[in-house]
Amino acid sequence: FNSLVNDHKQWGLDTDTIIEMKASSINTVYLCIATVLLERFDIARAKYHQQIRTPLSYYQPIINELLSRGEIKNIIDFSLLNFKRHGMFPLFFFGPLLAIFHNVINRSKSILTAINNRINR
């Protein structure tokens, strides 16, 4: 799933009224709610809100689908959009670039085989 905060940021919506927490114990959730009710929301947010990054594995099926259709430009656009949205993850572009490189190599082999077959006729 994608982070609600990330979605709000993408669409230019306010994120100050959202508290996101990674897998937390029921006690932590209770303390967060109690802080909202007994103190203030901004105090609870400062104490309990966690930045949630979307794992790169989330994007791989999308990249694979685009690659299977030969949509290299869309892979690049998709990667640039996510770079803009999430910042530079280590090796963020490694997956898409590897997929593009693999596709180019396979297409080159097909073209070279076709040329070779025509020459040897």
PDB file of N, CA and C in Angstrom:
ATOM      1  N   PHE A   1       0.832  -1.177   0.000  1.00  0.00           N
ATOM      2  CA  PHE A   1       0.000   0.000   0.000  1.00  0.00           C
ATOM      3  C   PHE A   1       0.870   1.230   0.000  1.00  0.00           C
ATOM      4  N   ASN A   2       0.308   2.314  -0.437  1.00  0.00           N
ATOM      5  CA  ASN A   2       1.037   3.568  -0.427  1.00  0.00           C
ATOM      6  C   ASN A   2       0.628   4.367   0.798  1.00  0.00           C
ATOM      7  N   SER A   3       1.533   5.159   1.275  1.00  0.00           N
ATOM      8  CA  SER A   3       1.302   6.008   2.434  1.00  0.00           C
ATOM      9  C   SER A   3       0.252   7.071   2.108  1.00  0.00           C
ATOM     10  N   LEU A   4      -0.661   7.297   3.029  1.00  0.00           N
ATOM     11  CA  LEU A   4      -1.672   8.341   2.866  1.00  0.00           C
ATOM     12  C   LEU A   4      -1.004   9.711   2.784  1.00  0.00           C
ATOM     13  N   VAL A   5       0.036   9.913   3.575  1.00  0.00           N
ATOM     14  CA  VAL A   5       0.771  11.179   3.530  1.00  0.00           C
ATOM     15  C   VAL A   5       1.402  11.364   2.154  1.00  0.00           C
ATOM     16  N   ASN A   6       2.012  10.306   1.615  1.00  0.00           N
ATOM     17  CA  ASN A   6       2.608  10.407   0.276  1.00  0.00           C
ATOM     18  C   ASN A   6       1.557  10.754  -0.770  1.00  0.00           C
ATOM     19  N   ASP A   7       0.388  10.137  -0.684  1.00  0.00           N
ATOM     20  CA  ASP A   7      -0.689  10.451  -1.627  1.00  0.00           C
ATOM     21  C   ASP A   7      -1.128  11.914  -1.488  1.00  0.00           C
ATOM     22  N   HIS A   8      -1.290  12.366  -0.252  1.00  0.00           N
ATOM     23  CA  HIS A   8      -1.692  13.761  -0.028  1.00  0.00           C
ATOM     24  C   HIS A   8      -0.645  14.730  -0.576  1.00  0.00           C
ATOM     25  N   LYS A   9       0.627  14.428  -0.340  1.00  0.00           N
ATOM     26  CA  LYS A   9       1.695  15.295  -0.857  1.00  0.00           C
ATOM     27  C   LYS A   9       1.660  15.339  -2.378  1.00  0.00           C
ATOM     28  N   GLN A  10       1.429  14.192  -3.000  1.00  0.00           N
ATOM     29  CA  GLN A  10       1.381  14.139  -4.461  1.00  0.00           C
ATOM     30  C   GLN A  10       0.309  15.067  -5.007  1.00  0.00           C
ATOM     31  N   TRP A  11      -0.818  15.138  -4.326  1.00  0.00           N
ATOM     32  CA  TRP A  11      -1.939  15.950  -4.806  1.00  0.00           C
ATOM     33  C   TRP A  11      -1.979  17.335  -4.188  1.00  0.00           C
ATOM     34  N   GLY A  12      -0.935  17.711  -3.440  1.00  0.00           N
ATOM     35  CA  GLY A  12      -0.858  19.052  -2.867  1.00  0.00           C
ATOM     36  C   GLY A  12      -1.822  19.276  -1.716  1.00  0.00           C
ATOM     37  N   LEU A  13      -2.216  18.198  -1.041  1.00  0.00           N
ATOM     38  CA  LEU A  13      -3.143  18.319   0.085  1.00  0.00           C
ATOM     39  C   LEU A  13      -2.382  18.409   1.404  1.00  0.00           C
ATOM     40  N   ASP A  14      -3.023  18.981   2.402  1.00  0.00           N
ATOM     41  CA  ASP A  14      -2.430  19.144   3.728  1.00  0.00           C
ATOM     42  C   ASP A  14      -2.190  17.782   4.379  1.00  0.00           C
ATOM     43  N   THR A  15      -1.051  17.634   5.029  1.00  0.00           N
ATOM     44  CA  THR A  15      -0.735  16.383   5.730  1.00  0.00           C
ATOM     45  C   THR A  15      -0.620  16.581   7.242  1.00  0.00           C
ATOM     46  N   ASP A  16      -0.833  17.792   7.714  1.00  0.00           N
ATOM     47  CA  ASP A  16      -0.666  18.085   9.145  1.00  0.00           C
ATOM     48  C   ASP A  16      -1.721  17.431  10.029  1.00  0.00           C
ATOM     49  N   THR A  17      -2.777  16.927   9.430  1.00  0.00           N
ATOM     50  CA  THR A  17      -3.850  16.305  10.219  1.00  0.00           C
ATOM     51  C   THR A  17      -3.823  14.774  10.131  1.00  0.00           C
ATOM     52  N   ILE A  18      -2.677  14.234   9.708  1.00  0.00           N
ATOM     53  CA  ILE A  18      -2.542  12.784   9.558  1.00  0.00           C
ATOM     54  C   ILE A  18      -1.423  12.295  10.466  1.00  0.00           C
ATOM     55  N   ILE A  19      -1.702  11.231  11.200  1.00  0.00           N
ATOM     56  CA  ILE A  19      -0.664  10.531  11.950  1.00  0.00           C
ATOM     57  C   ILE A  19      -0.552   9.141  11.342  1.00  0.00           C
ATOM     58  N   GLU A  20       0.634   8.823  10.821  1.00  0.00           N
ATOM     59  CA  GLU A  20       0.887   7.489  10.295  1.00  0.00           C
ATOM     60  C   GLU A  20       1.869   6.785  11.213  1.00  0.00           C
ATOM     61  N   MET A  21       1.583   5.519  11.457  1.00  0.00           N
ATOM     62  CA  MET A  21       2.460   4.717  12.306  1.00  0.00           C
ATOM     63  C   MET A  21       2.714   3.389  11.616  1.00  0.00           C
ATOM     64  N   LYS A  22       3.974   2.960  11.637  1.00  0.00           N
ATOM     65  CA  LYS A  22       4.298   1.632  11.129  1.00  0.00           C
ATOM     66  C   LYS A  22       3.709   0.626  12.102  1.00  0.00           C
ATOM     67  N   ALA A  23       3.895  -0.638  11.857  1.00  0.00           N
ATOM     68  CA  ALA A  23       3.355  -1.668  12.753  1.00  0.00           C
ATOM     69  C   ALA A  23       3.694  -1.305  14.200  1.00  0.00           C
ATOM     70  N   SER A  24       2.673  -1.000  14.967  1.00  0.00           N
ATOM     71  CA  SER A  24       2.851  -0.563  16.352  1.00  0.00           C
ATOM     72  C   SER A  24       2.013  -1.435  17.269  1.00  0.00           C
ATOM     73  N   SER A  25       2.446  -1.496  18.508  1.00  0.00           N
ATOM     74  CA  SER A  25       1.682  -2.272  19.486  1.00  0.00           C
ATOM     75  C   SER A  25       0.375  -1.562  19.793  1.00  0.00           C
ATOM     76  N   ILE A  26      -0.565  -2.306  20.301  1.00  0.00           N
ATOM     77  CA  ILE A  26      -1.853  -1.726  20.695  1.00  0.00           C
ATOM     78  C   ILE A  26      -1.644  -0.664  21.771  1.00  0.00           C
ATOM     79  N   ASN A  27      -0.637  -0.857  22.605  1.00  0.00           N
ATOM     80  CA  ASN A  27      -0.344   0.110  23.659  1.00  0.00           C
ATOM     81  C   ASN A  27       0.113   1.448  23.064  1.00  0.00           C
ATOM     82  N   THR A  28       0.951   1.394  22.016  1.00  0.00           N
ATOM     83  CA  THR A  28       1.420   2.621  21.363  1.00  0.00           C
ATOM     84  C   THR A  28       0.260   3.347  20.698  1.00  0.00           C
ATOM     85  N   VAL A  29      -0.617   2.597  20.043  1.00  0.00           N
ATOM     86  CA  VAL A  29      -1.791   3.200  19.417  1.00  0.00           C
ATOM     87  C   VAL A  29      -2.669   3.846  20.487  1.00  0.00           C
ATOM     88  N   TYR A  30      -2.878   3.154  21.602  1.00  0.00           N
ATOM     89  CA  TYR A  30      -3.667   3.692  22.706  1.00  0.00           C
ATOM     90  C   TYR A  30      -3.059   4.995  23.231  1.00  0.00           C
ATOM     91  N   LEU A  31      -1.738   4.995  23.437  1.00  0.00           N
ATOM     92  CA  LEU A  31      -1.066   6.193  23.945  1.00  0.00           C
ATOM     93  C   LEU A  31      -1.183   7.360  22.964  1.00  0.00           C
ATOM     94  N   CYS A  32      -1.110   7.059  21.681  1.00  0.00           N
ATOM     95  CA  CYS A  32      -1.269   8.096  20.671  1.00  0.00           C
ATOM     96  C   CYS A  32      -2.674   8.705  20.740  1.00  0.00           C
ATOM     97  N   ILE A  33      -3.686   7.852  20.795  1.00  0.00           N
ATOM     98  CA  ILE A  33      -5.074   8.337  20.880  1.00  0.00           C
ATOM     99  C   ILE A  33      -5.285   9.126  22.169  1.00  0.00           C
ATOM    100  N   ALA A  34      -4.749   8.629  23.271  1.00  0.00           N
ATOM    101  CA  ALA A  34      -4.873   9.327  24.552  1.00  0.00           C
ATOM    102  C   ALA A  34      -4.208  10.701  24.485  1.00  0.00           C
ATOM    103  N   THR A  35      -3.078  10.785  23.813  1.00  0.00           N
ATOM    104  CA  THR A  35      -2.389  12.073  23.675  1.00  0.00           C
ATOM    105  C   THR A  35      -3.235  13.050  22.864  1.00  0.00           C
ATOM    106  N   VAL A  36      -3.872  12.557  21.811  1.00  0.00           N
ATOM    107  CA  VAL A  36      -4.755  13.412  21.008  1.00  0.00           C
ATOM    108  C   VAL A  36      -5.898  13.935  21.869  1.00  0.00           C
ATOM    109  N   LEU A  37      -6.514  13.037  22.648  1.00  0.00           N
ATOM    110  CA  LEU A  37      -7.692  13.411  23.432  1.00  0.00           C
ATOM    111  C   LEU A  37      -7.364  14.244  24.670  1.00  0.00           C
ATOM    112  N   LEU A  38      -6.266  13.931  25.341  1.00  0.00           N
ATOM    113  CA  LEU A  38      -5.955  14.589  26.609  1.00  0.00           C
ATOM    114  C   LEU A  38      -5.016  15.791  26.458  1.00  0.00           C
ATOM    115  N   GLU A  39      -4.258  15.807  25.375  1.00  0.00           N
ATOM    116  CA  GLU A  39      -3.353  16.933  25.160  1.00  0.00           C
ATOM    117  C   GLU A  39      -3.782  17.628  23.867  1.00  0.00           C
ATOM    118  N   ARG A  40      -2.962  17.543  22.838  1.00  0.00           N
ATOM    119  CA  ARG A  40      -3.330  18.138  21.551  1.00  0.00           C
ATOM    120  C   ARG A  40      -2.865  17.228  20.426  1.00  0.00           C
ATOM    121  N   PHE A  41      -3.535  17.372  19.277  1.00  0.00           N
ATOM    122  CA  PHE A  41      -3.189  16.556  18.115  1.00  0.00           C
ATOM    123  C   PHE A  41      -1.744  16.777  17.689  1.00  0.00           C
ATOM    124  N   ASP A  42      -1.309  18.047  17.643  1.00  0.00           N
ATOM    125  CA  ASP A  42       0.049  18.322  17.173  1.00  0.00           C
ATOM    126  C   ASP A  42       1.115  17.702  18.075  1.00  0.00           C
ATOM    127  N   ILE A  43       0.811  17.584  19.374  1.00  0.00           N
ATOM    128  CA  ILE A  43       1.746  16.922  20.299  1.00  0.00           C
ATOM    129  C   ILE A  43       1.807  15.425  19.985  1.00  0.00           C
ATOM    130  N   ALA A  44       0.636  14.818  19.759  1.00  0.00           N
ATOM    131  CA  ALA A  44       0.586  13.393  19.412  1.00  0.00           C
ATOM    132  C   ALA A  44       1.297  13.141  18.090  1.00  0.00           C
ATOM    133  N   ARG A  45       1.087  14.023  17.131  1.00  0.00           N
ATOM    134  CA  ARG A  45       1.721  13.848  15.827  1.00  0.00           C
ATOM    135  C   ARG A  45       3.241  13.945  15.944  1.00  0.00           C
ATOM    136  N   ALA A  46       3.699  14.925  16.707  1.00  0.00           N
ATOM    137  CA  ALA A  46       5.152  15.082  16.883  1.00  0.00           C
ATOM    138  C   ALA A  46       5.766  13.857  17.558  1.00  0.00           C
ATOM    139  N   LYS A  47       5.011  13.240  18.446  1.00  0.00           N
ATOM    140  CA  LYS A  47       5.548  12.109  19.207  1.00  0.00           C
ATOM    141  C   LYS A  47       5.408  10.772  18.476  1.00  0.00           C
ATOM    142  N   TYR A  48       4.321  10.564  17.737  1.00  0.00           N
ATOM    143  CA  TYR A  48       4.010   9.235  17.199  1.00  0.00           C
ATOM    144  C   TYR A  48       4.059   9.105  15.676  1.00  0.00           C
ATOM    145  N   HIS A  49       3.994  10.200  14.962  1.00  0.00           N
ATOM    146  CA  HIS A  49       3.974  10.102  13.498  1.00  0.00           C
ATOM    147  C   HIS A  49       5.309   9.556  12.990  1.00  0.00           C
ATOM    148  N   GLN A  50       5.234   8.628  12.024  1.00  0.00           N
ATOM    149  CA  GLN A  50       6.428   8.040  11.417  1.00  0.00           C
ATOM    150  C   GLN A  50       6.347   8.190   9.907  1.00  0.00           C
ATOM    151  N   GLN A  51       7.469   8.528   9.305  1.00  0.00           N
ATOM    152  CA  GLN A  51       7.514   8.613   7.851  1.00  0.00           C
ATOM    153  C   GLN A  51       7.491   7.198   7.282  1.00  0.00           C
ATOM    154  N   ILE A  52       6.594   6.962   6.355  1.00  0.00           N
ATOM    155  CA  ILE A  52       6.472   5.646   5.736  1.00  0.00           C
ATOM    156  C   ILE A  52       6.891   5.762   4.279  1.00  0.00           C
ATOM    157  N   ARG A  53       7.951   5.070   3.950  1.00  0.00           N
ATOM    158  CA  ARG A  53       8.412   5.033   2.559  1.00  0.00           C
ATOM    159  C   ARG A  53       7.823   3.800   1.888  1.00  0.00           C
ATOM    160  N   THR A  54       7.423   3.987   0.660  1.00  0.00           N
ATOM    161  CA  THR A  54       6.905   2.876  -0.118  1.00  0.00           C
ATOM    162  C   THR A  54       8.084   2.013  -0.551  1.00  0.00           C
ATOM    163  N   PRO A  55       8.046   0.701  -0.272  1.00  0.00           N
ATOM    164  CA  PRO A  55       9.179  -0.146  -0.667  1.00  0.00           C
ATOM    165  C   PRO A  55       9.291  -0.237  -2.189  1.00  0.00           C
ATOM    166  N   LEU A  56      10.524  -0.319  -2.663  1.00  0.00           N
ATOM    167  CA  LEU A  56      10.742  -0.406  -4.105  1.00  0.00           C
ATOM    168  C   LEU A  56      10.059  -1.613  -4.730  1.00  0.00           C
ATOM    169  N   SER A  57       9.918  -2.692  -3.953  1.00  0.00           N
ATOM    170  CA  SER A  57       9.273  -3.897  -4.476  1.00  0.00           C
ATOM    171  C   SER A  57       7.819  -3.619  -4.879  1.00  0.00           C
ATOM    172  N   TYR A  58       7.241  -2.574  -4.308  1.00  0.00           N
ATOM    173  CA  TYR A  58       5.868  -2.173  -4.641  1.00  0.00           C
ATOM    174  C   TYR A  58       5.758  -1.798  -6.123  1.00  0.00           C
ATOM    175  N   TYR A  59       6.835  -1.216  -6.653  1.00  0.00           N
ATOM    176  CA  TYR A  59       6.814  -0.717  -8.024  1.00  0.00           C
ATOM    177  C   TYR A  59       7.209  -1.749  -9.074  1.00  0.00           C
ATOM    178  N   GLN A  60       7.858  -2.819  -8.669  1.00  0.00           N
ATOM    179  CA  GLN A  60       8.397  -3.775  -9.642  1.00  0.00           C
ATOM    180  C   GLN A  60       7.328  -4.366 -10.567  1.00  0.00           C
ATOM    181  N   PRO A  61       6.145  -4.778 -10.051  1.00  0.00           N
ATOM    182  CA  PRO A  61       5.131  -5.312 -10.985  1.00  0.00           C
ATOM    183  C   PRO A  61       4.679  -4.287 -12.025  1.00  0.00           C
ATOM    184  N   ILE A  62       4.638  -3.007 -11.641  1.00  0.00           N
ATOM    185  CA  ILE A  62       4.248  -1.961 -12.595  1.00  0.00           C
ATOM    186  C   ILE A  62       5.316  -1.834 -13.675  1.00  0.00           C
ATOM    187  N   ILE A  63       6.581  -1.814 -13.243  1.00  0.00           N
ATOM    188  CA  ILE A  63       7.681  -1.718 -14.198  1.00  0.00           C
ATOM    189  C   ILE A  63       7.698  -2.941 -15.109  1.00  0.00           C
ATOM    190  N   ASN A  64       7.477  -4.130 -14.541  1.00  0.00           N
ATOM    191  CA  ASN A  64       7.444  -5.358 -15.346  1.00  0.00           C
ATOM    192  C   ASN A  64       6.346  -5.301 -16.402  1.00  0.00           C
ATOM    193  N   GLU A  65       5.170  -4.797 -16.017  1.00  0.00           N
ATOM    194  CA  GLU A  65       4.057  -4.696 -16.964  1.00  0.00           C
ATOM    195  C   GLU A  65       4.389  -3.730 -18.093  1.00  0.00           C
ATOM    196  N   LEU A  66       4.939  -2.571 -17.742  1.00  0.00           N
ATOM    197  CA  LEU A  66       5.321  -1.604 -18.765  1.00  0.00           C
ATOM    198  C   LEU A  66       6.389  -2.184 -19.686  1.00  0.00           C
ATOM    199  N   LEU A  67       7.332  -2.904 -19.101  1.00  0.00           N
ATOM    200  CA  LEU A  67       8.404  -3.519 -19.887  1.00  0.00           C
ATOM    201  C   LEU A  67       7.853  -4.575 -20.835  1.00  0.00           C
ATOM    202  N   SER A  68       6.904  -5.372 -20.357  1.00  0.00           N
ATOM    203  CA  SER A  68       6.338  -6.429 -21.208  1.00  0.00           C
ATOM    204  C   SER A  68       5.629  -5.844 -22.431  1.00  0.00           C
ATOM    205  N   ARG A  69       5.198  -4.591 -22.300  1.00  0.00           N
ATOM    206  CA  ARG A  69       4.546  -3.921 -23.428  1.00  0.00           C
ATOM    207  C   ARG A  69       5.516  -3.053 -24.225  1.00  0.00           C
ATOM    208  N   GLY A  70       6.797  -3.081 -23.802  1.00  0.00           N
ATOM    209  CA  GLY A  70       7.811  -2.309 -24.516  1.00  0.00           C
ATOM    210  C   GLY A  70       7.700  -0.811 -24.311  1.00  0.00           C
ATOM    211  N   GLU A  71       7.110  -0.392 -23.209  1.00  0.00           N
ATOM    212  CA  GLU A  71       6.873   1.032 -22.955  1.00  0.00           C
ATOM    213  C   GLU A  71       8.026   1.637 -22.144  1.00  0.00           C
ATOM    214  N   ILE A  72       9.191   1.709 -22.779  1.00  0.00           N
ATOM    215  CA  ILE A  72      10.401   2.186 -22.111  1.00  0.00           C
ATOM    216  C   ILE A  72      10.236   3.632 -21.648  1.00  0.00           C
ATOM    217  N   LYS A  73       9.662   4.480 -22.498  1.00  0.00           N
ATOM    218  CA  LYS A  73       9.462   5.886 -22.120  1.00  0.00           C
ATOM    219  C   LYS A  73       8.594   5.980 -20.870  1.00  0.00           C
ATOM    220  N   ASN A  74       7.562   5.145 -20.777  1.00  0.00           N
ATOM    221  CA  ASN A  74       6.694   5.174 -19.593  1.00  0.00           C
ATOM    222  C   ASN A  74       7.436   4.701 -18.339  1.00  0.00           C
ATOM    223  N   ILE A  75       8.358   3.751 -18.502  1.00  0.00           N
ATOM    224  CA  ILE A  75       9.174   3.306 -17.364  1.00  0.00           C
ATOM    225  C   ILE A  75      10.020   4.470 -16.861  1.00  0.00           C
ATOM    226  N   ILE A  76      10.625   5.199 -17.788  1.00  0.00           N
ATOM    227  CA  ILE A  76      11.461   6.346 -17.408  1.00  0.00           C
ATOM    228  C   ILE A  76      10.605   7.421 -16.746  1.00  0.00           C
ATOM    229  N   ASP A  77       9.445   7.734 -17.335  1.00  0.00           N
ATOM    230  CA  ASP A  77       8.548   8.739 -16.748  1.00  0.00           C
ATOM    231  C   ASP A  77       8.081   8.309 -15.359  1.00  0.00           C
ATOM    232  N   PHE A  78       7.720   7.038 -15.227  1.00  0.00           N
ATOM    233  CA  PHE A  78       7.267   6.500 -13.942  1.00  0.00           C
ATOM    234  C   PHE A  78       8.376   6.596 -12.894  1.00  0.00           C
ATOM    235  N   SER A  79       9.594   6.267 -13.293  1.00  0.00           N
ATOM    236  CA  SER A  79      10.732   6.329 -12.375  1.00  0.00           C
ATOM    237  C   SER A  79      11.014   7.766 -11.955  1.00  0.00           C
ATOM    238  N   LEU A  80      10.963   8.696 -12.908  1.00  0.00           N
ATOM    239  CA  LEU A  80      11.202  10.102 -12.580  1.00  0.00           C
ATOM    240  C   LEU A  80      10.119  10.656 -11.657  1.00  0.00           C
ATOM    241  N   LEU A  81       8.869  10.253 -11.882  1.00  0.00           N
ATOM    242  CA  LEU A  81       7.777  10.675 -10.998  1.00  0.00           C
ATOM    243  C   LEU A  81       8.031  10.201  -9.575  1.00  0.00           C
ATOM    244  N   ASN A  82       8.452   8.960  -9.434  1.00  0.00           N
ATOM    245  CA  ASN A  82       8.697   8.423  -8.098  1.00  0.00           C
ATOM    246  C   ASN A  82       9.952   8.995  -7.464  1.00  0.00           C
ATOM    247  N   PHE A  83      10.943   9.338  -8.282  1.00  0.00           N
ATOM    248  CA  PHE A  83      12.119  10.035  -7.757  1.00  0.00           C
ATOM    249  C   PHE A  83      11.695  11.389  -7.194  1.00  0.00           C
ATOM    250  N   LYS A  84      10.845  12.091  -7.939  1.00  0.00           N
ATOM    251  CA  LYS A  84      10.352  13.396  -7.483  1.00  0.00           C
ATOM    252  C   LYS A  84       9.514  13.251  -6.212  1.00  0.00           C
ATOM    253  N   ARG A  85       8.707  12.202  -6.160  1.00  0.00           N
ATOM    254  CA  ARG A  85       7.808  12.005  -5.025  1.00  0.00           C
ATOM    255  C   ARG A  85       8.548  11.552  -3.770  1.00  0.00           C
ATOM    256  N   HIS A  86       9.469  10.609  -3.913  1.00  0.00           N
ATOM    257  CA  HIS A  86      10.069   9.972  -2.746  1.00  0.00           C
ATOM    258  C   HIS A  86      11.521  10.346  -2.491  1.00  0.00           C
ATOM    259  N   GLY A  87      12.151  11.022  -3.431  1.00  0.00           N
ATOM    260  CA  GLY A  87      13.567  11.299  -3.275  1.00  0.00           C
ATOM    261  C   GLY A  87      14.385  10.134  -3.813  1.00  0.00           C
ATOM    262  N   MET A  88      15.662  10.267  -3.697  1.00  0.00           N
ATOM    263  CA  MET A  88      16.554   9.264  -4.266  1.00  0.00           C
ATOM    264  C   MET A  88      16.792   8.133  -3.278  1.00  0.00           C
ATOM    265  N   PHE A  89      16.133   7.012  -3.517  1.00  0.00           N
ATOM    266  CA  PHE A  89      16.417   5.801  -2.750  1.00  0.00           C
ATOM    267  C   PHE A  89      17.745   5.248  -3.247  1.00  0.00           C
ATOM    268  N   PRO A  90      18.487   4.580  -2.388  1.00  0.00           N
ATOM    269  CA  PRO A  90      19.678   3.903  -2.914  1.00  0.00           C
ATOM    270  C   PRO A  90      19.263   2.903  -3.995  1.00  0.00           C
ATOM    271  N   LEU A  91      19.931   2.974  -5.092  1.00  0.00           N
ATOM    272  CA  LEU A  91      19.683   2.075  -6.227  1.00  0.00           C
ATOM    273  C   LEU A  91      18.255   2.173  -6.764  1.00  0.00           C
ATOM    274  N   PHE A  92      17.592   3.342  -6.577  1.00  0.00           N
ATOM    275  CA  PHE A  92      16.202   3.471  -7.026  1.00  0.00           C
ATOM    276  C   PHE A  92      16.059   3.145  -8.507  1.00  0.00           C
ATOM    277  N   PHE A  93      17.005   3.621  -9.292  1.00  0.00           N
ATOM    278  CA  PHE A  93      16.895   3.422 -10.729  1.00  0.00           C
ATOM    279  C   PHE A  93      17.498   2.109 -11.195  1.00  0.00           C
ATOM    280  N   PHE A  94      18.113   1.353 -10.306  1.00  0.00           N
ATOM    281  CA  PHE A  94      18.769   0.118 -10.711  1.00  0.00           C
ATOM    282  C   PHE A  94      17.783  -0.854 -11.363  1.00  0.00           C
ATOM    283  N   GLY A  95      16.633  -1.069 -10.734  1.00  0.00           N
ATOM    284  CA  GLY A  95      15.635  -1.996 -11.277  1.00  0.00           C
ATOM    285  C   GLY A  95      15.140  -1.590 -12.650  1.00  0.00           C
ATOM    286  N   PRO A  96      14.627  -0.339 -12.788  1.00  0.00           N
ATOM    287  CA  PRO A  96      14.162   0.072 -14.117  1.00  0.00           C
ATOM    288  C   PRO A  96      15.262   0.068 -15.164  1.00  0.00           C
ATOM    289  N   LEU A  97      16.458   0.526 -14.800  1.00  0.00           N
ATOM    290  CA  LEU A  97      17.550   0.551 -15.781  1.00  0.00           C
ATOM    291  C   LEU A  97      17.968  -0.857 -16.179  1.00  0.00           C
ATOM    292  N   LEU A  98      17.992  -1.769 -15.222  1.00  0.00           N
ATOM    293  CA  LEU A  98      18.323  -3.153 -15.530  1.00  0.00           C
ATOM    294  C   LEU A  98      17.270  -3.753 -16.463  1.00  0.00           C
ATOM    295  N   ALA A  99      16.009  -3.449 -16.200  1.00  0.00           N
ATOM    296  CA  ALA A  99      14.928  -3.954 -17.055  1.00  0.00           C
ATOM    297  C   ALA A  99      15.054  -3.404 -18.474  1.00  0.00           C
ATOM    298  N   ILE A 100      15.352  -2.110 -18.592  1.00  0.00           N
ATOM    299  CA  ILE A 100      15.522  -1.508 -19.913  1.00  0.00           C
ATOM    300  C   ILE A 100      16.718  -2.132 -20.630  1.00  0.00           C
ATOM    301  N   PHE A 101      17.832  -2.275 -19.930  1.00  0.00           N
ATOM    302  CA  PHE A 101      19.033  -2.863 -20.506  1.00  0.00           C
ATOM    303  C   PHE A 101      18.751  -4.283 -20.995  1.00  0.00           C
ATOM    304  N   HIS A 102      18.055  -5.066 -20.188  1.00  0.00           N
ATOM    305  CA  HIS A 102      17.703  -6.442 -20.547  1.00  0.00           C
ATOM    306  C   HIS A 102      16.850  -6.457 -21.813  1.00  0.00           C
ATOM    307  N   ASN A 103      15.895  -5.551 -21.876  1.00  0.00           N
ATOM    308  CA  ASN A 103      15.008  -5.466 -23.036  1.00  0.00           C
ATOM    309  C   ASN A 103      15.790  -5.083 -24.289  1.00  0.00           C
ATOM    310  N   VAL A 104      16.691  -4.121 -24.167  1.00  0.00           N
ATOM    311  CA  VAL A 104      17.498  -3.690 -25.313  1.00  0.00           C
ATOM    312  C   VAL A 104      18.374  -4.833 -25.806  1.00  0.00           C
ATOM    313  N   ILE A 105      18.996  -5.559 -24.887  1.00  0.00           N
ATOM    314  CA  ILE A 105      19.846  -6.697 -25.265  1.00  0.00           C
ATOM    315  C   ILE A 105      19.025  -7.750 -26.006  1.00  0.00           C
ATOM    316  N   ASN A 106      17.846  -8.080 -25.472  1.00  0.00           N
ATOM    317  CA  ASN A 106      17.006  -9.096 -26.120  1.00  0.00           C
ATOM    318  C   ASN A 106      16.552  -8.652 -27.501  1.00  0.00           C
ATOM    319  N   ARG A 107      16.193  -7.384 -27.640  1.00  0.00           N
ATOM    320  CA  ARG A 107      15.775  -6.880 -28.954  1.00  0.00           C
ATOM    321  C   ARG A 107      16.954  -6.863 -29.918  1.00  0.00           C
ATOM    322  N   SER A 108      18.129  -6.488 -29.422  1.00  0.00           N
ATOM    323  CA  SER A 108      19.323  -6.469 -30.271  1.00  0.00           C
ATOM    324  C   SER A 108      19.643  -7.866 -30.772  1.00  0.00           C
ATOM    325  N   LYS A 109      19.511  -8.868 -29.890  1.00  0.00           N
ATOM    326  CA  LYS A 109      19.759 -10.251 -30.305  1.00  0.00           C
ATOM    327  C   LYS A 109      18.789 -10.654 -31.407  1.00  0.00           C
ATOM    328  N   SER A 110      17.524 -10.285 -31.263  1.00  0.00           N
ATOM    329  CA  SER A 110      16.525 -10.624 -32.271  1.00  0.00           C
ATOM    330  C   SER A 110      16.845  -9.966 -33.600  1.00  0.00           C
ATOM    331  N   ILE A 111      17.253  -8.689 -33.548  1.00  0.00           N
ATOM    332  CA  ILE A 111      17.578  -7.967 -34.775  1.00  0.00           C
ATOM    333  C   ILE A 111      18.809  -8.579 -35.441  1.00  0.00           C
ATOM    334  N   LEU A 112      19.829  -8.875 -34.634  1.00  0.00           N
ATOM    335  CA  LEU A 112      21.047  -9.471 -35.191  1.00  0.00           C
ATOM    336  C   LEU A 112      20.774 -10.847 -35.775  1.00  0.00           C
ATOM    337  N   THR A 113      19.925 -11.625 -35.115  1.00  0.00           N
ATOM    338  CA  THR A 113      19.561 -12.944 -35.642  1.00  0.00           C
ATOM    339  C   THR A 113      18.833 -12.804 -36.967  1.00  0.00           C
ATOM    340  N   ALA A 114      17.909 -11.852 -37.037  1.00  0.00           N
ATOM    341  CA  ALA A 114      17.164 -11.621 -38.291  1.00  0.00           C
ATOM    342  C   ALA A 114      18.106 -11.194 -39.405  1.00  0.00           C
ATOM    343  N   ILE A 115      19.035 -10.306 -39.117  1.00  0.00           N
ATOM    344  CA  ILE A 115      20.007  -9.856 -40.122  1.00  0.00           C
ATOM    345  C   ILE A 115      20.874 -11.033 -40.570  1.00  0.00           C
ATOM    346  N   ASN A 116      21.344 -11.813 -39.606  1.00  0.00           N
ATOM    347  CA  ASN A 116      22.167 -12.972 -39.922  1.00  0.00           C
ATOM    348  C   ASN A 116      21.417 -13.971 -40.797  1.00  0.00           C
ATOM    349  N   ASN A 117      20.158 -14.213 -40.491  1.00  0.00           N
ATOM    350  CA  ASN A 117      19.343 -15.129 -41.289  1.00  0.00           C
ATOM    351  C   ASN A 117      19.173 -14.641 -42.712  1.00  0.00           C
ATOM    352  N   ARG A 118      19.000 -13.330 -42.886  1.00  0.00           N
ATOM    353  CA  ARG A 118      18.843 -12.772 -44.239  1.00  0.00           C
ATOM    354  C   ARG A 118      20.138 -12.881 -45.026  1.00  0.00           C
ATOM    355  N   ILE A 119      21.242 -12.645 -44.346  1.00  0.00           N
ATOM    356  CA  ILE A 119      22.551 -12.723 -45.020  1.00  0.00           C
ATOM    357  C   ILE A 119      22.849 -14.153 -45.450  1.00  0.00           C
ATOM    358  N   ASN A 120      22.491 -15.121 -44.630  1.00  0.00           N
ATOM    359  CA  ASN A 120      22.819 -16.528 -44.905  1.00  0.00           C
ATOM    360  C   ASN A 120      21.810 -17.215 -45.810  1.00  0.00           C
ATOM    361  N   ARG A 121      20.850 -16.515 -46.325  1.00  0.00           N
ATOM    362  CA  ARG A 121      19.874 -17.147 -47.246  1.00  0.00           C
ATOM    363  C   ARG A 121      20.460 -17.403 -48.557  1.00  0.00           C
TER     364      ARG A 121
END
